Structures are given as C-alpha cells and as structure tokens.
Protein backbone atom coordinates (compact mmCIF):
# COMPACT_ATOMS: atom_id res chain seq x y z
CA MET A 1 -23.53 34.63 6.11
CA ALA A 2 -22.63 30.78 5.35
CA ARG A 3 -19.49 29.90 7.10
CA HIS A 4 -16.41 29.52 4.86
CA ILE A 5 -13.32 27.01 6.42
CA ASP A 6 -9.95 26.94 4.50
CA LEU A 7 -8.20 23.69 4.52
CA THR A 8 -5.21 25.36 2.14
CA ASN A 9 -2.78 24.75 5.37
CA LYS A 10 -4.70 21.47 6.78
CA LEU A 11 -4.39 18.91 4.27
CA ASP A 12 -1.04 17.33 4.04
CA MET A 13 -0.36 16.81 0.21
CA GLU A 14 2.85 14.73 0.54
CA LYS A 15 2.60 11.22 -0.91
CA PRO A 16 3.74 8.56 1.58
CA THR A 17 7.13 6.75 0.70
CA ILE A 18 8.68 2.86 1.59
CA THR A 19 12.29 2.70 1.30
CA ILE A 20 13.14 -0.92 -0.18
CA ASN A 21 16.59 -2.28 -0.41
CA GLY A 22 18.32 1.51 -0.27
CA LYS A 23 15.67 2.91 -2.47
CA ILE A 24 12.58 5.03 -1.75
CA TYR A 25 9.81 4.85 -3.74
CA GLU A 26 6.46 6.96 -3.65
CA ILE A 27 2.87 5.27 -2.92
CA ASN A 28 -0.24 5.91 -4.97
CA ASP A 29 -2.55 6.70 -2.29
CA GLU A 30 -5.17 8.59 -4.58
CA LYS A 31 -8.66 7.94 -3.43
CA SER A 32 -9.30 6.94 -7.10
CA ASN A 33 -6.35 4.07 -6.64
CA ILE A 34 -7.12 2.89 -3.38
CA LEU A 35 -10.48 1.87 -4.61
CA SER A 36 -9.84 0.58 -7.64
CA MET A 37 -7.07 -1.88 -5.52
CA ASN A 38 -9.61 -2.65 -3.11
CA SER A 39 -11.92 -3.61 -5.68
CA LEU A 40 -9.35 -6.06 -7.61
CA LEU A 41 -8.47 -7.79 -4.02
CA ASN A 42 -12.14 -8.29 -2.97
CA LYS A 43 -12.92 -10.26 -5.68
CA GLY A 44 -11.46 -12.81 -4.08
CA ASN A 45 -9.91 -15.12 -6.78
CA LEU A 46 -6.53 -13.77 -5.81
CA SER A 47 -3.87 -16.60 -4.36
CA GLU A 48 -2.19 -14.63 -1.42
CA VAL A 49 1.16 -13.95 -4.06
CA GLU A 50 -1.10 -12.32 -6.37
CA MET A 51 -2.64 -10.20 -3.58
CA PHE A 52 0.93 -8.91 -2.80
CA ASP A 53 1.50 -8.63 -6.50
CA LYS A 54 -1.57 -6.57 -7.19
CA ILE A 55 -1.06 -3.89 -3.80
CA ILE A 56 2.83 -3.20 -4.46
CA GLU A 57 1.52 -2.64 -8.33
CA LYS A 58 -1.36 -0.56 -7.48
CA LEU A 59 0.67 1.59 -4.93
CA LEU A 60 3.84 1.39 -6.40
CA GLY A 61 3.52 0.97 -9.93
CA LYS A 62 4.54 -1.69 -12.31
CA LYS A 63 8.02 -0.52 -12.73
CA ALA A 64 8.79 -0.87 -9.10
CA LEU A 65 7.17 -4.55 -9.09
CA LYS A 66 9.48 -5.17 -11.52
CA GLU A 67 12.37 -3.76 -9.53
CA LEU A 68 10.90 -5.87 -6.64
CA ASP A 69 10.80 -8.85 -8.61
CA ASN A 70 14.01 -8.62 -9.59
CA LEU A 71 15.60 -8.74 -5.73
CA HIS A 72 13.81 -12.72 -5.81
CA LEU A 73 12.83 -11.93 -2.58
CA GLY A 74 11.20 -14.78 -0.98
CA LEU A 75 7.38 -14.82 -0.13
CA LYS A 76 7.97 -13.33 3.47
CA GLN A 77 9.63 -10.38 2.03
CA TYR A 78 7.02 -9.91 -0.12
CA GLU A 79 4.52 -9.78 2.58
CA LYS A 80 6.43 -7.12 4.98
CA ILE A 81 6.14 -5.15 1.50
CA ALA A 82 2.17 -5.27 1.09
CA PHE A 83 1.71 -4.71 4.77
CA ALA A 84 3.99 -1.91 4.68
CA LEU A 85 2.26 0.01 1.99
CA MET A 86 -1.47 -0.40 3.76
CA ALA A 87 0.42 1.09 7.03
CA CYS A 88 1.61 3.78 4.80
CA VAL A 89 -1.88 4.37 3.06
CA ASN A 90 -3.78 4.37 5.87
CA ASP A 91 -1.56 6.20 8.06
CA GLU A 92 -0.66 3.47 10.74
CA GLU A 93 1.61 1.29 12.42
CA LEU A 94 3.45 -2.00 10.42
CA GLU A 95 2.77 -3.66 13.27
CA ASP A 96 -0.91 -2.79 13.83
CA VAL A 97 -1.56 -3.76 10.09
CA GLU A 98 0.16 -7.28 10.86
CA ARG A 99 -1.85 -8.56 13.48
CA ARG A 100 -5.35 -7.52 11.76
CA PHE A 101 -3.84 -9.91 8.85
CA GLN A 102 -2.89 -12.36 11.75
CA ASP A 103 -6.18 -12.03 13.07
CA ARG A 104 -8.32 -12.94 9.68
CA LYS A 105 -5.76 -15.73 8.71
CA ASP A 106 -6.60 -17.55 12.29
C-alpha cells in the first residue's frame, strides 16, 4: 500500500502579525504574494524608499501603507518596519534580517 501522510495538524494556518503604533496588522505571507513581491524587488530599479513601500504594500496592503504614511515616519522607521515584515514572513529574528541587509550594503 502507498504511504499516506496527514499534515492536517502539522501546518500552521495562522498568519503572522506585526504591531505598529498600537495597531495589529496581519501579514499576507501567501506564496503567490511573496513571489510577486520578490519579482518587483529583483527588478533593481527601485530606490530604497520605493522598495520599503513595495514591501509594506505587498505584505500589509494599500490601506496599511496609507495609514503608515499618515504617521509621518522617518526613513529609519520604514526600514525597521520592512525588516520586521521580512523577519515575520521568513520566521526569523529581526536582528538576523537587519544584519543580513547591512552585510549587503557593505
């Protein structure tokens, strides 16, 4: 008889979340969304600010991007949000993502 493996109780179907300024946002970490985001980012024609906006828009949505724009955050805060989103999607520590990005800059 062929082997059968039931993953019903093994797959975590919960979406990762991030809290920004007291508001909880759900992160769209679906494979198709991540592939779409990576495709945009790999084109290489985006500035750092545009890259952060694309990451936030793809993972949190246009409404969340507008809400964050209304907070009048600085570039370092946007960078921190983008890194936190990538950490959540990849199930990594924020510090590891920041270190990896810094290594690419050097």
